[in-house]
Amino acid sequence: MTDRVHVRKLVFFCSADPREDTGAFFRAYHFANVASKSGLDAEVRLAGSAVDVTDTDTLPATEAGDLIREKIRESIDAPFDVSL
């Protein structure tokens, strides 16, 4: 009998336009940080217009935009992946 190891990853998918919907990015990065700090394998997956968030200057110059920039900076050394 062979033992199988199942590896699971939490994927937080975001396809929102960063100029229009900052909440989706905040949640994706927030929960990926929480999951990885809890020892779970996590990933933020950006698709469509969401890939524009890789240039944080596309975020609005608002408090919500600043919160996303902070979450992204917090995530730089976090043990989770961000894929495009």
N, C-alpha and C. Protein backbone atom coordinates (compact mmCIF):
# COMPACT_ATOMS: atom_id res chain seq x y z
N MET A 1 0.84 -1.17 0.00
CA MET A 1 0.00 0.00 0.00
C MET A 1 0.89 1.24 0.00
N THR A 2 0.55 2.20 -0.81
CA THR A 2 1.33 3.43 -0.92
C THR A 2 0.61 4.55 -0.19
N ASP A 3 1.35 5.24 0.65
CA ASP A 3 0.79 6.41 1.31
C ASP A 3 0.86 7.59 0.36
N ARG A 4 -0.19 8.34 0.29
CA ARG A 4 -0.22 9.53 -0.56
C ARG A 4 -0.24 10.77 0.31
N VAL A 5 0.51 11.73 -0.12
CA VAL A 5 0.50 13.02 0.55
C VAL A 5 -0.25 13.99 -0.35
N HIS A 6 -1.28 14.57 0.17
CA HIS A 6 -2.06 15.55 -0.58
C HIS A 6 -1.62 16.95 -0.15
N VAL A 7 -1.14 17.69 -1.10
CA VAL A 7 -0.75 19.07 -0.83
C VAL A 7 -1.84 19.96 -1.42
N ARG A 8 -2.32 20.85 -0.62
CA ARG A 8 -3.37 21.76 -1.07
C ARG A 8 -2.91 23.19 -0.89
N LYS A 9 -3.32 24.01 -1.79
CA LYS A 9 -2.95 25.42 -1.76
C LYS A 9 -4.22 26.26 -1.79
N LEU A 10 -4.28 27.26 -0.93
CA LEU A 10 -5.37 28.22 -0.98
C LEU A 10 -5.02 29.26 -2.04
N VAL A 11 -5.88 29.39 -3.04
CA VAL A 11 -5.64 30.35 -4.11
C VAL A 11 -6.69 31.45 -4.00
N PHE A 12 -6.21 32.67 -3.85
CA PHE A 12 -7.09 33.83 -3.77
C PHE A 12 -7.03 34.52 -5.12
N PHE A 13 -8.07 34.32 -5.91
CA PHE A 13 -8.12 34.76 -7.30
C PHE A 13 -8.70 36.17 -7.37
N CYS A 14 -8.06 37.02 -8.14
CA CYS A 14 -8.55 38.38 -8.29
C CYS A 14 -8.44 38.79 -9.75
N SER A 15 -9.54 39.28 -10.30
CA SER A 15 -9.54 39.77 -11.67
C SER A 15 -10.07 41.19 -11.76
N ALA A 16 -10.16 41.85 -10.63
CA ALA A 16 -10.71 43.21 -10.58
C ALA A 16 -9.76 44.22 -11.20
N ASP A 17 -10.30 45.32 -11.64
CA ASP A 17 -9.50 46.44 -12.14
C ASP A 17 -9.03 47.23 -10.92
N PRO A 18 -7.73 47.37 -10.71
CA PRO A 18 -7.23 48.05 -9.50
C PRO A 18 -7.63 49.51 -9.41
N ARG A 19 -8.00 50.11 -10.53
CA ARG A 19 -8.44 51.51 -10.51
C ARG A 19 -9.88 51.64 -10.02
N GLU A 20 -10.62 50.53 -10.07
CA GLU A 20 -12.05 50.56 -9.75
C GLU A 20 -12.43 49.84 -8.46
N ASP A 21 -11.79 48.71 -8.18
CA ASP A 21 -12.20 47.86 -7.05
C ASP A 21 -10.99 47.48 -6.20
N THR A 22 -10.67 48.31 -5.23
CA THR A 22 -9.51 48.02 -4.37
C THR A 22 -9.83 46.96 -3.32
N GLY A 23 -11.10 46.79 -3.00
CA GLY A 23 -11.49 45.83 -1.97
C GLY A 23 -11.10 44.40 -2.31
N ALA A 24 -11.22 44.04 -3.57
CA ALA A 24 -10.87 42.68 -3.99
C ALA A 24 -9.38 42.40 -3.76
N PHE A 25 -8.54 43.38 -4.03
CA PHE A 25 -7.10 43.22 -3.81
C PHE A 25 -6.77 43.15 -2.33
N PHE A 26 -7.41 44.00 -1.56
CA PHE A 26 -7.17 43.99 -0.11
C PHE A 26 -7.48 42.62 0.45
N ARG A 27 -8.63 42.05 0.08
CA ARG A 27 -9.02 40.74 0.60
C ARG A 27 -8.06 39.65 0.14
N ALA A 28 -7.69 39.66 -1.13
CA ALA A 28 -6.79 38.61 -1.64
C ALA A 28 -5.46 38.63 -0.91
N TYR A 29 -4.83 39.80 -0.82
CA TYR A 29 -3.53 39.90 -0.15
C TYR A 29 -3.66 39.67 1.35
N HIS A 30 -4.72 40.18 1.95
CA HIS A 30 -4.92 40.00 3.39
C HIS A 30 -5.04 38.51 3.75
N PHE A 31 -5.93 37.80 3.05
CA PHE A 31 -6.15 36.40 3.40
C PHE A 31 -4.97 35.51 3.03
N ALA A 32 -4.24 35.85 1.97
CA ALA A 32 -3.03 35.09 1.66
C ALA A 32 -1.99 35.28 2.76
N ASN A 33 -1.87 36.49 3.29
CA ASN A 33 -0.96 36.74 4.41
C ASN A 33 -1.39 35.96 5.64
N VAL A 34 -2.67 35.99 5.95
CA VAL A 34 -3.18 35.27 7.13
C VAL A 34 -2.93 33.77 6.97
N ALA A 35 -3.23 33.23 5.80
CA ALA A 35 -3.05 31.80 5.56
C ALA A 35 -1.58 31.40 5.68
N SER A 36 -0.70 32.17 5.04
CA SER A 36 0.72 31.80 5.07
C SER A 36 1.31 31.92 6.47
N LYS A 37 0.86 32.92 7.23
CA LYS A 37 1.35 33.07 8.61
C LYS A 37 0.85 31.93 9.50
N SER A 38 -0.23 31.27 9.05
CA SER A 38 -0.76 30.13 9.80
C SER A 38 -0.15 28.81 9.33
N GLY A 39 0.79 28.90 8.39
CA GLY A 39 1.46 27.70 7.91
C GLY A 39 0.80 27.02 6.72
N LEU A 40 -0.19 27.67 6.13
CA LEU A 40 -0.86 27.10 4.97
C LEU A 40 -0.22 27.61 3.69
N ASP A 41 -0.22 26.78 2.67
CA ASP A 41 0.30 27.17 1.36
C ASP A 41 -0.75 28.06 0.69
N ALA A 42 -0.34 29.25 0.24
CA ALA A 42 -1.30 30.20 -0.33
C ALA A 42 -0.71 30.88 -1.55
N GLU A 43 -1.61 31.42 -2.34
CA GLU A 43 -1.20 32.14 -3.56
C GLU A 43 -2.24 33.21 -3.87
N VAL A 44 -1.78 34.36 -4.34
CA VAL A 44 -2.66 35.37 -4.92
C VAL A 44 -2.49 35.22 -6.42
N ARG A 45 -3.59 34.98 -7.11
CA ARG A 45 -3.54 34.82 -8.56
C ARG A 45 -4.26 36.00 -9.20
N LEU A 46 -3.53 36.76 -10.00
CA LEU A 46 -4.06 37.95 -10.66
C LEU A 46 -4.33 37.64 -12.12
N ALA A 47 -5.49 38.06 -12.62
CA ALA A 47 -5.85 37.81 -14.01
C ALA A 47 -6.52 39.05 -14.60
N GLY A 48 -6.48 39.14 -15.91
CA GLY A 48 -7.14 40.25 -16.59
C GLY A 48 -6.56 41.58 -16.16
N SER A 49 -7.43 42.53 -15.89
CA SER A 49 -7.01 43.87 -15.48
C SER A 49 -6.28 43.87 -14.15
N ALA A 50 -6.45 42.82 -13.37
CA ALA A 50 -5.81 42.76 -12.05
C ALA A 50 -4.29 42.78 -12.13
N VAL A 51 -3.71 42.33 -13.24
CA VAL A 51 -2.26 42.33 -13.33
C VAL A 51 -1.69 43.75 -13.30
N ASP A 52 -2.52 44.74 -13.58
CA ASP A 52 -2.06 46.13 -13.53
C ASP A 52 -1.65 46.56 -12.13
N VAL A 53 -2.08 45.82 -11.11
CA VAL A 53 -1.73 46.17 -9.74
C VAL A 53 -0.23 45.97 -9.48
N THR A 54 0.44 45.24 -10.37
CA THR A 54 1.89 45.09 -10.21
C THR A 54 2.61 46.43 -10.36
N ASP A 55 1.95 47.40 -10.97
CA ASP A 55 2.43 48.79 -10.98
C ASP A 55 1.53 49.54 -10.00
N THR A 56 1.99 49.68 -8.77
CA THR A 56 1.12 50.24 -7.72
C THR A 56 0.71 51.69 -7.99
N ASP A 57 1.33 52.32 -8.98
CA ASP A 57 0.90 53.67 -9.35
C ASP A 57 -0.47 53.67 -10.01
N THR A 58 -0.96 52.51 -10.46
CA THR A 58 -2.29 52.44 -11.07
C THR A 58 -3.39 52.51 -10.01
N LEU A 59 -3.03 52.25 -8.76
CA LEU A 59 -4.03 52.32 -7.69
C LEU A 59 -4.43 53.77 -7.44
N PRO A 60 -5.68 53.98 -7.06
CA PRO A 60 -6.11 55.36 -6.82
C PRO A 60 -5.36 56.01 -5.66
N ALA A 61 -5.24 57.31 -5.72
CA ALA A 61 -4.58 58.08 -4.65
C ALA A 61 -5.62 58.36 -3.55
N THR A 62 -6.07 57.27 -2.93
CA THR A 62 -7.07 57.35 -1.87
C THR A 62 -6.59 56.52 -0.69
N GLU A 63 -7.34 56.58 0.40
CA GLU A 63 -7.00 55.75 1.56
C GLU A 63 -7.05 54.26 1.20
N ALA A 64 -8.04 53.86 0.40
CA ALA A 64 -8.15 52.46 -0.01
C ALA A 64 -6.95 52.05 -0.86
N GLY A 65 -6.53 52.92 -1.78
CA GLY A 65 -5.35 52.63 -2.58
C GLY A 65 -4.11 52.49 -1.73
N ASP A 66 -3.99 53.37 -0.72
CA ASP A 66 -2.84 53.30 0.19
C ASP A 66 -2.84 52.01 1.01
N LEU A 67 -4.02 51.54 1.41
CA LEU A 67 -4.12 50.28 2.15
C LEU A 67 -3.65 49.11 1.30
N ILE A 68 -3.98 49.11 0.00
CA ILE A 68 -3.53 48.04 -0.88
C ILE A 68 -2.02 48.10 -1.03
N ARG A 69 -1.46 49.29 -1.22
CA ARG A 69 0.00 49.42 -1.32
C ARG A 69 0.68 48.87 -0.07
N GLU A 70 0.09 49.15 1.09
CA GLU A 70 0.64 48.65 2.35
C GLU A 70 0.57 47.12 2.40
N LYS A 71 -0.56 46.54 1.97
CA LYS A 71 -0.71 45.08 1.96
C LYS A 71 0.31 44.44 1.02
N ILE A 72 0.52 45.06 -0.13
CA ILE A 72 1.49 44.52 -1.09
C ILE A 72 2.89 44.58 -0.50
N ARG A 73 3.26 45.70 0.13
CA ARG A 73 4.58 45.81 0.77
C ARG A 73 4.73 44.77 1.87
N GLU A 74 3.67 44.56 2.64
CA GLU A 74 3.68 43.56 3.72
C GLU A 74 3.89 42.15 3.15
N SER A 75 3.46 41.94 1.93
CA SER A 75 3.50 40.63 1.31
C SER A 75 4.84 40.29 0.66
N ILE A 76 5.70 41.27 0.49
CA ILE A 76 6.97 41.05 -0.24
C ILE A 76 7.78 39.91 0.36
N ASP A 77 7.88 39.84 1.66
CA ASP A 77 8.66 38.78 2.31
C ASP A 77 7.79 37.64 2.82
N ALA A 78 6.51 37.68 2.52
CA ALA A 78 5.60 36.64 2.99
C ALA A 78 5.81 35.35 2.20
N PRO A 79 5.58 34.22 2.84
CA PRO A 79 5.81 32.94 2.15
C PRO A 79 4.63 32.48 1.30
N PHE A 80 4.16 33.35 0.41
CA PHE A 80 3.15 32.91 -0.54
C PHE A 80 3.47 33.48 -1.91
N ASP A 81 2.91 32.83 -2.92
CA ASP A 81 3.18 33.20 -4.30
C ASP A 81 2.16 34.22 -4.79
N VAL A 82 2.60 35.03 -5.75
CA VAL A 82 1.70 35.88 -6.51
C VAL A 82 1.95 35.51 -7.97
N SER A 83 0.90 35.09 -8.65
CA SER A 83 1.06 34.69 -10.05
C SER A 83 0.18 35.54 -10.95
N LEU A 84 0.61 35.66 -12.19
CA LEU A 84 -0.12 36.47 -13.17
C LEU A 84 -0.66 35.56 -14.25
